[in-house]
Structures are given as C-alpha cells and as structure tokens.
Amino acid sequence: MTFAYSWSVWTIAYLLAGSDASTLWTIIGVWGPLIAGAVVTYDSGGNVRRWAGQATEWRVAPRWYLVAICLPVLLGEASTVVYWLNAVPLSFQFDSPAAVTGFVLNVLLVLLIAGGLEEFGWRGFAIPRLQAEYSALTAGLTVGVAWALWHLPFVLFGWVTGQGPLPLYMIWIVGASLVLTWLYNSTGGSVLLCMLFHAVNNASGLFAPQGDVPGSVELLGSVADIGL
C-alpha cells in the first residue's frame, strides 16, 4: 500500500510537470507510509490510537535527544571533511539569524508534514512487527531495502540531486535504517525521536564549498553528503 500510494502520486506529478513538479506533490507522496500504517493497523484489528501515540513518546533520557539531533549533523558533515582535506575554502551557512531561522523552519517542516511522517510506517509499524519474528538487524535491513527502493522515483524523476551515485545512495538509506532501528529500540519505541533524527538529517548542512571545486573532489563531497 505504501508503494502503491506514493509511487502513484509521484508518477502523476511527473507526468504533469516532469522534474519541475512542485514540492507539494512530493510531500503528498511522502505520506504513503503514514497512510498505509494507519489503514493496515485498523484493518488488522490493531489500536490506531496506540500506534499513533508512539509519536508522543518524549519521555526518554536526554542523551537520546542528543543522538537524534547531533548524529545526523555529524553524518551530514562528512562532505566537509572531504573538502577540508582537499584545501577547498568553505563558508559557514548559519552565519545570520535568518539562516538559523530557515534551518529551524526546515526541521519543523520535515518533522510535521514531510519526511518525518514516514517514521510512522517504517519504524512505528514495520519494525516492531518484523522484530516479533526476526532480529533487530534483520528487521532493520529488511525495512532499509524497502525504504531505499521506495525512494527510487525521487532519483529517476530528477527530484534528488547531489546524492552521489545511485548504489551508494541506496546503501546509505539501508544504513540509516539500521541506525533508526537502534534509536527506536533504545528509546522504548519512540517514533518522535526517529522523526527528529529524520528531520535534522534532511535539514543539516553547516558548511558549503566556495568557488570552483575540482570535479573529483565534488564527486567525493556529494557521495559523503548523502541524505534521506
């Protein structure tokens, strides 16, 4: 159901507007895991309120908030190390109140109406059911592969750029699924913390290269700067 809904919305958007389809269309398609999770939970006799309530599990140790906020920033700044090692001048992106405000608004946007809502389906629905039969590693890998394939229209339709070669992009998403599975389990099933990780990951990017960057270095930087 997740694939059927999301891919249908994105395909219609692409047929109507091509690679210039509005962000609104992509956001509406992103709701696939949320909608499918709610429908299947209800249809299978589950408690939808309890399932959705995982997004209100905020009473966790403070260190897990640090993990959810700082870890995606550190992962997202891998490209900074690549540029620094190659002596490429960098500019700090959050050099004004407006830039900081833009970052916060971006995080809130992803958290409340965009990619963060995916976590209701991938982690909030799929992971606990898979872990009832399999290990956390197997569950995380299984969801990761499905999650990576689900992203394919973004790449094929030209809505995602600067993510490096497609195979590495897919591998990164599978790896992120393992990290999010670990975060979900470590917080007692807090979808909220997974949503926060997802939102910060999508919004992070503290530094950007200045001037001309050699092609080989730009490629390495884009590979290191893969997001969700």
C-alpha atoms as a PDB file:
ATOM      1  CA  MET A   1       0.000   0.000   0.000  1.00  0.00           C
ATOM      2  CA  THR A   2       2.888   2.357   0.773  1.00  0.00           C
ATOM      3  CA  PHE A   3       4.430   1.821  -2.648  1.00  0.00           C
ATOM      4  CA  ALA A   4       1.101   1.926  -4.480  1.00  0.00           C
ATOM      5  CA  TYR A   5       0.102   5.247  -2.922  1.00  0.00           C
ATOM      6  CA  SER A   6       3.455   7.062  -3.055  1.00  0.00           C
ATOM      7  CA  TRP A   7       4.538   5.893  -6.488  1.00  0.00           C
ATOM      8  CA  SER A   8       1.109   6.708  -7.952  1.00  0.00           C
ATOM      9  CA  VAL A   9       1.191  10.267  -6.602  1.00  0.00           C
ATOM     10  CA  TRP A  10       4.770  10.839  -7.746  1.00  0.00           C
ATOM     11  CA  THR A  11       4.161   9.338 -11.181  1.00  0.00           C
ATOM     12  CA  ILE A  12       1.132  11.572 -11.739  1.00  0.00           C
ATOM     13  CA  ALA A  13       3.187  14.582 -10.602  1.00  0.00           C
ATOM     14  CA  TYR A  14       5.979  13.681 -13.006  1.00  0.00           C
ATOM     15  CA  LEU A  15       3.615  13.148 -15.927  1.00  0.00           C
ATOM     16  CA  LEU A  16       2.016  16.537 -15.276  1.00  0.00           C
ATOM     17  CA  ALA A  17       5.113  18.615 -14.542  1.00  0.00           C
ATOM     18  CA  GLY A  18       8.214  16.479 -15.065  1.00  0.00           C
ATOM     19  CA  SER A  19      11.258  17.262 -12.946  1.00  0.00           C
ATOM     20  CA  ASP A  20       9.713  20.669 -12.136  1.00  0.00           C
ATOM     21  CA  ALA A  21       6.865  19.178 -10.111  1.00  0.00           C
ATOM     22  CA  SER A  22       6.124  21.253  -7.020  1.00  0.00           C
ATOM     23  CA  THR A  23       7.344  20.307  -3.575  1.00  0.00           C
ATOM     24  CA  LEU A  24       3.716  19.926  -2.517  1.00  0.00           C
ATOM     25  CA  TRP A  25       3.336  16.885  -4.794  1.00  0.00           C
ATOM     26  CA  THR A  26       6.428  15.216  -3.387  1.00  0.00           C
ATOM     27  CA  ILE A  27       5.255  15.880   0.172  1.00  0.00           C
ATOM     28  CA  ILE A  28       1.821  14.400  -0.509  1.00  0.00           C
ATOM     29  CA  GLY A  29       3.514  11.264  -1.851  1.00  0.00           C
ATOM     30  CA  VAL A  30       5.714  11.034   1.234  1.00  0.00           C
ATOM     31  CA  TRP A  31       2.596  10.382   3.326  1.00  0.00           C
ATOM     32  CA  GLY A  32       2.422   6.832   1.911  1.00  0.00           C
ATOM     33  CA  PRO A  33       3.997   5.029   4.903  1.00  0.00           C
ATOM     34  CA  LEU A  34       1.808   7.012   7.326  1.00  0.00           C
ATOM     35  CA  ILE A  35      -1.432   6.306   5.464  1.00  0.00           C
ATOM     36  CA  ALA A  36      -0.601   2.635   4.875  1.00  0.00           C
ATOM     37  CA  GLY A  37       0.382   2.150   8.511  1.00  0.00           C
ATOM     38  CA  ALA A  38      -2.897   3.626   9.732  1.00  0.00           C
ATOM     39  CA  VAL A  39      -5.058   1.657   7.282  1.00  0.00           C
ATOM     40  CA  VAL A  40      -3.381  -1.701   7.885  1.00  0.00           C
ATOM     41  CA  THR A  41      -3.322  -1.194  11.658  1.00  0.00           C
ATOM     42  CA  TYR A  42      -7.057  -0.518  11.631  1.00  0.00           C
ATOM     43  CA  ASP A  43      -7.866  -3.286   9.139  1.00  0.00           C
ATOM     44  CA  SER A  44      -5.942  -5.886  11.140  1.00  0.00           C
ATOM     45  CA  GLY A  45      -7.775  -5.021  14.348  1.00  0.00           C
ATOM     46  CA  GLY A  46      -4.936  -3.042  15.896  1.00  0.00           C
ATOM     47  CA  ASN A  47      -5.248   0.032  18.083  1.00  0.00           C
ATOM     48  CA  VAL A  48      -4.659   3.025  15.800  1.00  0.00           C
ATOM     49  CA  ARG A  49      -4.510   5.428  18.728  1.00  0.00           C
ATOM     50  CA  ARG A  50      -1.785   3.390  20.428  1.00  0.00           C
ATOM     51  CA  TRP A  51       0.131   3.092  17.143  1.00  0.00           C
ATOM     52  CA  ALA A  52      -0.051   6.842  16.510  1.00  0.00           C
ATOM     53  CA  GLY A  53       0.767   7.506  20.154  1.00  0.00           C
ATOM     54  CA  GLN A  54       4.348   6.392  19.563  1.00  0.00           C
ATOM     55  CA  ALA A  55       4.900   9.911  18.245  1.00  0.00           C
ATOM     56  CA  THR A  56       4.180  11.317  21.713  1.00  0.00           C
ATOM     57  CA  GLU A  57       6.798   9.203  23.482  1.00  0.00           C
ATOM     58  CA  TRP A  58       9.026  12.094  24.501  1.00  0.00           C
ATOM     59  CA  ARG A  59       9.995  10.924  27.995  1.00  0.00           C
ATOM     60  CA  VAL A  60      13.360   9.419  27.142  1.00  0.00           C
ATOM     61  CA  ALA A  61      16.844  10.024  28.553  1.00  0.00           C
ATOM     62  CA  PRO A  62      18.319  13.352  27.366  1.00  0.00           C
ATOM     63  CA  ARG A  63      21.220  11.554  25.682  1.00  0.00           C
ATOM     64  CA  TRP A  64      18.837  10.178  23.069  1.00  0.00           C
ATOM     65  CA  TYR A  65      17.791  13.696  22.094  1.00  0.00           C
ATOM     66  CA  LEU A  66      21.481  14.471  21.627  1.00  0.00           C
ATOM     67  CA  VAL A  67      21.813  11.378  19.434  1.00  0.00           C
ATOM     68  CA  ALA A  68      18.743  12.301  17.367  1.00  0.00           C
ATOM     69  CA  ILE A  69      19.997  15.854  16.804  1.00  0.00           C
ATOM     70  CA  CYS A  70      23.787  15.559  16.711  1.00  0.00           C
ATOM     71  CA  LEU A  71      24.334  12.235  14.932  1.00  0.00           C
ATOM     72  CA  PRO A  72      22.594  13.236  11.666  1.00  0.00           C
ATOM     73  CA  VAL A  73      24.523  16.532  11.698  1.00  0.00           C
ATOM     74  CA  LEU A  74      27.824  14.673  12.093  1.00  0.00           C
ATOM     75  CA  LEU A  75      26.916  12.245   9.325  1.00  0.00           C
ATOM     76  CA  GLY A  76      25.787  15.087   7.089  1.00  0.00           C
ATOM     77  CA  GLU A  77      29.048  16.950   7.601  1.00  0.00           C
ATOM     78  CA  ALA A  78      31.202  14.127   6.219  1.00  0.00           C
ATOM     79  CA  SER A  79      31.462  16.138   2.999  1.00  0.00           C
ATOM     80  CA  THR A  80      33.029  18.991   4.991  1.00  0.00           C
ATOM     81  CA  VAL A  81      35.933  16.704   5.892  1.00  0.00           C
ATOM     82  CA  VAL A  82      36.374  15.803   2.211  1.00  0.00           C
ATOM     83  CA  TYR A  83      36.560  19.458   1.192  1.00  0.00           C
ATOM     84  CA  TRP A  84      38.832  20.381   4.107  1.00  0.00           C
ATOM     85  CA  LEU A  85      41.304  17.599   3.279  1.00  0.00           C
ATOM     86  CA  ASN A  86      41.444  18.903  -0.281  1.00  0.00           C
ATOM     87  CA  ALA A  87      42.021  22.509   0.814  1.00  0.00           C
ATOM     88  CA  VAL A  88      38.697  23.748  -0.571  1.00  0.00           C
ATOM     89  CA  PRO A  89      37.554  27.034   1.043  1.00  0.00           C
ATOM     90  CA  LEU A  90      34.312  26.644   2.984  1.00  0.00           C
ATOM     91  CA  SER A  91      31.595  29.061   4.020  1.00  0.00           C
ATOM     92  CA  PHE A  92      29.535  28.683   7.178  1.00  0.00           C
ATOM     93  CA  GLN A  93      25.868  28.522   6.195  1.00  0.00           C
ATOM     94  CA  PHE A  94      24.356  29.604   9.514  1.00  0.00           C
ATOM     95  CA  ASP A  95      26.028  32.999   9.615  1.00  0.00           C
ATOM     96  CA  SER A  96      22.913  35.077  10.214  1.00  0.00           C
ATOM     97  CA  PRO A  97      19.692  34.948  12.256  1.00  0.00           C
ATOM     98  CA  ALA A  98      17.759  34.427   9.013  1.00  0.00           C
ATOM     99  CA  ALA A  99      19.830  31.359   8.156  1.00  0.00           C
ATOM    100  CA  VAL A 100      19.291  29.863  11.602  1.00  0.00           C
ATOM    101  CA  THR A 101      15.571  30.581  11.371  1.00  0.00           C
ATOM    102  CA  GLY A 102      15.469  28.927   7.957  1.00  0.00           C
ATOM    103  CA  PHE A 103      17.147  25.818   9.348  1.00  0.00           C
ATOM    104  CA  VAL A 104      14.694  25.583  12.255  1.00  0.00           C
ATOM    105  CA  LEU A 105      11.724  26.055   9.928  1.00  0.00           C
ATOM    106  CA  ASN A 106      13.096  23.391   7.602  1.00  0.00           C
ATOM    107  CA  VAL A 107      13.407  20.956  10.507  1.00  0.00           C
ATOM    108  CA  LEU A 108       9.832  21.702  11.588  1.00  0.00           C
ATOM    109  CA  LEU A 109       8.567  21.305   8.021  1.00  0.00           C
ATOM    110  CA  VAL A 110      10.159  17.873   7.630  1.00  0.00           C
ATOM    111  CA  LEU A 111       9.138  16.856  11.144  1.00  0.00           C
ATOM    112  CA  LEU A 112       5.469  17.811  10.930  1.00  0.00           C
ATOM    113  CA  ILE A 113       4.325  17.455   7.316  1.00  0.00           C
ATOM    114  CA  ALA A 114       7.077  15.844   5.229  1.00  0.00           C
ATOM    115  CA  GLY A 115       9.711  13.122   5.628  1.00  0.00           C
ATOM    116  CA  GLY A 116       9.378  12.828   9.381  1.00  0.00           C
ATOM    117  CA  LEU A 117       5.918  11.322   8.911  1.00  0.00           C
ATOM    118  CA  GLU A 118       7.492   8.353   7.109  1.00  0.00           C
ATOM    119  CA  GLU A 119       8.640   7.104  10.504  1.00  0.00           C
ATOM    120  CA  PHE A 120       5.074   6.162  11.470  1.00  0.00           C
ATOM    121  CA  GLY A 121       5.227   3.478   8.786  1.00  0.00           C
ATOM    122  CA  TRP A 122       8.846   2.349   8.598  1.00  0.00           C
ATOM    123  CA  ARG A 123       9.755   2.357  12.273  1.00  0.00           C
ATOM    124  CA  GLY A 124       6.380   2.709  14.025  1.00  0.00           C
ATOM    125  CA  PHE A 125       4.634  -0.049  12.061  1.00  0.00           C
ATOM    126  CA  ALA A 126       7.086  -2.306  10.221  1.00  0.00           C
ATOM    127  CA  ILE A 127       9.955  -2.616  12.698  1.00  0.00           C
ATOM    128  CA  PRO A 128       8.004  -3.908  15.755  1.00  0.00           C
ATOM    129  CA  ARG A 129       6.120  -6.439  13.625  1.00  0.00           C
ATOM    130  CA  LEU A 130       9.270  -7.746  11.964  1.00  0.00           C
ATOM    131  CA  GLN A 131      11.093  -7.895  15.284  1.00  0.00           C
ATOM    132  CA  ALA A 132       8.365 -10.164  16.629  1.00  0.00           C
ATOM    133  CA  GLU A 133       9.809 -12.843  14.323  1.00  0.00           C
ATOM    134  CA  TYR A 134      13.321 -11.702  13.457  1.00  0.00           C
ATOM    135  CA  SER A 135      16.316  -9.953  14.976  1.00  0.00           C
ATOM    136  CA  ALA A 136      16.670  -6.179  15.037  1.00  0.00           C
ATOM    137  CA  LEU A 137      19.414  -6.451  12.410  1.00  0.00           C
ATOM    138  CA  THR A 138      17.242  -8.454  10.022  1.00  0.00           C
ATOM    139  CA  ALA A 139      14.275  -6.151  10.609  1.00  0.00           C
ATOM    140  CA  GLY A 140      16.377  -3.036  10.052  1.00  0.00           C
ATOM    141  CA  LEU A 141      17.900  -4.410   6.853  1.00  0.00           C
ATOM    142  CA  THR A 142      14.519  -5.527   5.510  1.00  0.00           C
ATOM    143  CA  VAL A 143      12.902  -2.155   6.119  1.00  0.00           C
ATOM    144  CA  GLY A 144      16.033  -0.444   4.809  1.00  0.00           C
ATOM    145  CA  VAL A 145      15.872  -2.231   1.458  1.00  0.00           C
ATOM    146  CA  ALA A 146      12.166  -1.423   1.092  1.00  0.00           C
ATOM    147  CA  TRP A 147      12.821   2.189   2.132  1.00  0.00           C
ATOM    148  CA  ALA A 148      15.646   2.536  -0.394  1.00  0.00           C
ATOM    149  CA  LEU A 149      13.543   1.143  -3.260  1.00  0.00           C
ATOM    150  CA  TRP A 150      10.648   3.404  -2.248  1.00  0.00           C
ATOM    151  CA  HIS A 151      12.935   6.427  -2.852  1.00  0.00           C
ATOM    152  CA  LEU A 152      13.709   5.438  -6.455  1.00  0.00           C
ATOM    153  CA  PRO A 153      11.174   7.800  -8.113  1.00  0.00           C
ATOM    154  CA  PHE A 154      12.882  10.772  -6.424  1.00  0.00           C
ATOM    155  CA  VAL A 155      16.094   9.858  -8.214  1.00  0.00           C
ATOM    156  CA  LEU A 156      14.611   8.694 -11.525  1.00  0.00           C
ATOM    157  CA  PHE A 157      12.386  11.772 -11.819  1.00  0.00           C
ATOM    158  CA  GLY A 158      15.258  14.160 -11.065  1.00  0.00           C
ATOM    159  CA  TRP A 159      13.894  15.441  -7.760  1.00  0.00           C
ATOM    160  CA  VAL A 160      17.020  14.491  -5.801  1.00  0.00           C
ATOM    161  CA  THR A 161      20.404  15.907  -6.767  1.00  0.00           C
ATOM    162  CA  GLY A 162      23.862  15.888  -5.240  1.00  0.00           C
ATOM    163  CA  GLN A 163      23.356  12.487  -3.626  1.00  0.00           C
ATOM    164  CA  GLY A 164      26.245  10.727  -5.348  1.00  0.00           C
ATOM    165  CA  PRO A 165      25.954   7.500  -7.357  1.00  0.00           C
ATOM    166  CA  LEU A 166      22.621   5.709  -7.015  1.00  0.00           C
ATOM    167  CA  PRO A 167      24.058   2.480  -5.493  1.00  0.00           C
ATOM    168  CA  LEU A 168      25.744   4.465  -2.705  1.00  0.00           C
ATOM    169  CA  TYR A 169      22.550   6.422  -2.114  1.00  0.00           C
ATOM    170  CA  MET A 170      20.668   3.142  -1.697  1.00  0.00           C
ATOM    171  CA  ILE A 171      23.352   1.739   0.639  1.00  0.00           C
ATOM    172  CA  TRP A 172      23.217   4.911   2.750  1.00  0.00           C
ATOM    173  CA  ILE A 173      19.456   4.603   3.200  1.00  0.00           C
ATOM    174  CA  VAL A 174      19.788   0.966   4.298  1.00  0.00           C
ATOM    175  CA  GLY A 175      22.469   2.026   6.788  1.00  0.00           C
ATOM    176  CA  ALA A 176      20.265   4.840   8.068  1.00  0.00           C
ATOM    177  CA  SER A 177      17.501   2.293   8.615  1.00  0.00           C
ATOM    178  CA  LEU A 178      19.802   0.320  10.929  1.00  0.00           C
ATOM    179  CA  VAL A 179      20.638   3.477  12.902  1.00  0.00           C
ATOM    180  CA  LEU A 180      16.963   4.421  13.187  1.00  0.00           C
ATOM    181  CA  THR A 181      16.050   0.880  14.247  1.00  0.00           C
ATOM    182  CA  TRP A 182      18.659   1.132  17.006  1.00  0.00           C
ATOM    183  CA  LEU A 183      17.288   4.542  18.042  1.00  0.00           C
ATOM    184  CA  TYR A 184      13.701   3.271  18.026  1.00  0.00           C
ATOM    185  CA  ASN A 185      14.554   0.255  20.179  1.00  0.00           C
ATOM    186  CA  SER A 186      16.803   2.207  22.546  1.00  0.00           C
ATOM    187  CA  THR A 187      14.061   4.748  23.294  1.00  0.00           C
ATOM    188  CA  GLY A 188      11.387   2.161  24.005  1.00  0.00           C
ATOM    189  CA  GLY A 189       9.662   2.680  20.666  1.00  0.00           C
ATOM    190  CA  SER A 190       9.708   6.468  20.350  1.00  0.00           C
ATOM    191  CA  VAL A 191       8.695   7.375  16.809  1.00  0.00           C
ATOM    192  CA  LEU A 192       9.124  11.010  17.850  1.00  0.00           C
ATOM    193  CA  LEU A 193      12.889  10.614  18.242  1.00  0.00           C
ATOM    194  CA  CYS A 194      13.115   8.876  14.865  1.00  0.00           C
ATOM    195  CA  MET A 195      11.137  11.733  13.311  1.00  0.00           C
ATOM    196  CA  LEU A 196      13.529  14.236  14.877  1.00  0.00           C
ATOM    197  CA  PHE A 197      16.566  12.350  13.532  1.00  0.00           C
ATOM    198  CA  HIS A 198      14.985  12.278  10.070  1.00  0.00           C
ATOM    199  CA  ALA A 199      14.131  15.988  10.134  1.00  0.00           C
ATOM    200  CA  VAL A 200      17.562  17.136  11.282  1.00  0.00           C
ATOM    201  CA  ASN A 201      19.247  14.875   8.734  1.00  0.00           C
ATOM    202  CA  ASN A 202      17.241  16.397   5.885  1.00  0.00           C
ATOM    203  CA  ALA A 203      17.916  19.955   7.034  1.00  0.00           C
ATOM    204  CA  SER A 204      21.585  19.709   8.031  1.00  0.00           C
ATOM    205  CA  GLY A 205      24.399  21.257   6.012  1.00  0.00           C
ATOM    206  CA  LEU A 206      26.501  23.630   8.102  1.00  0.00           C
ATOM    207  CA  PHE A 207      29.176  24.303   5.507  1.00  0.00           C
ATOM    208  CA  ALA A 208      29.308  24.698   1.740  1.00  0.00           C
ATOM    209  CA  PRO A 209      32.310  24.894  -0.634  1.00  0.00           C
ATOM    210  CA  GLN A 210      33.297  28.270  -2.057  1.00  0.00           C
ATOM    211  CA  GLY A 211      34.395  28.969  -5.608  1.00  0.00           C
ATOM    212  CA  ASP A 212      35.430  26.334  -8.124  1.00  0.00           C
ATOM    213  CA  VAL A 213      35.766  22.785  -6.825  1.00  0.00           C
ATOM    214  CA  PRO A 214      37.634  20.098  -8.809  1.00  0.00           C
ATOM    215  CA  GLY A 215      35.233  17.563 -10.307  1.00  0.00           C
ATOM    216  CA  SER A 216      36.731  14.612  -8.470  1.00  0.00           C
ATOM    217  CA  VAL A 217      36.503  16.418  -5.128  1.00  0.00           C
ATOM    218  CA  GLU A 218      32.917  17.496  -5.850  1.00  0.00           C
ATOM    219  CA  LEU A 219      32.019  13.873  -6.547  1.00  0.00           C
ATOM    220  CA  LEU A 220      33.587  12.704  -3.281  1.00  0.00           C
ATOM    221  CA  GLY A 221      31.829  15.505  -1.428  1.00  0.00           C
ATOM    222  CA  SER A 222      28.431  14.625  -2.870  1.00  0.00           C
ATOM    223  CA  VAL A 223      28.910  10.954  -2.007  1.00  0.00           C
ATOM    224  CA  ALA A 224      29.752  11.910   1.586  1.00  0.00           C
ATOM    225  CA  ASP A 225      26.789  14.264   1.827  1.00  0.00           C
ATOM    226  CA  ILE A 226      24.028  11.761   1.112  1.00  0.00           C
ATOM    227  CA  GLY A 227      20.702  12.403   2.862  1.00  0.00           C
ATOM    228  CA  LEU A 228      17.325  10.724   3.240  1.00  0.00           C
END
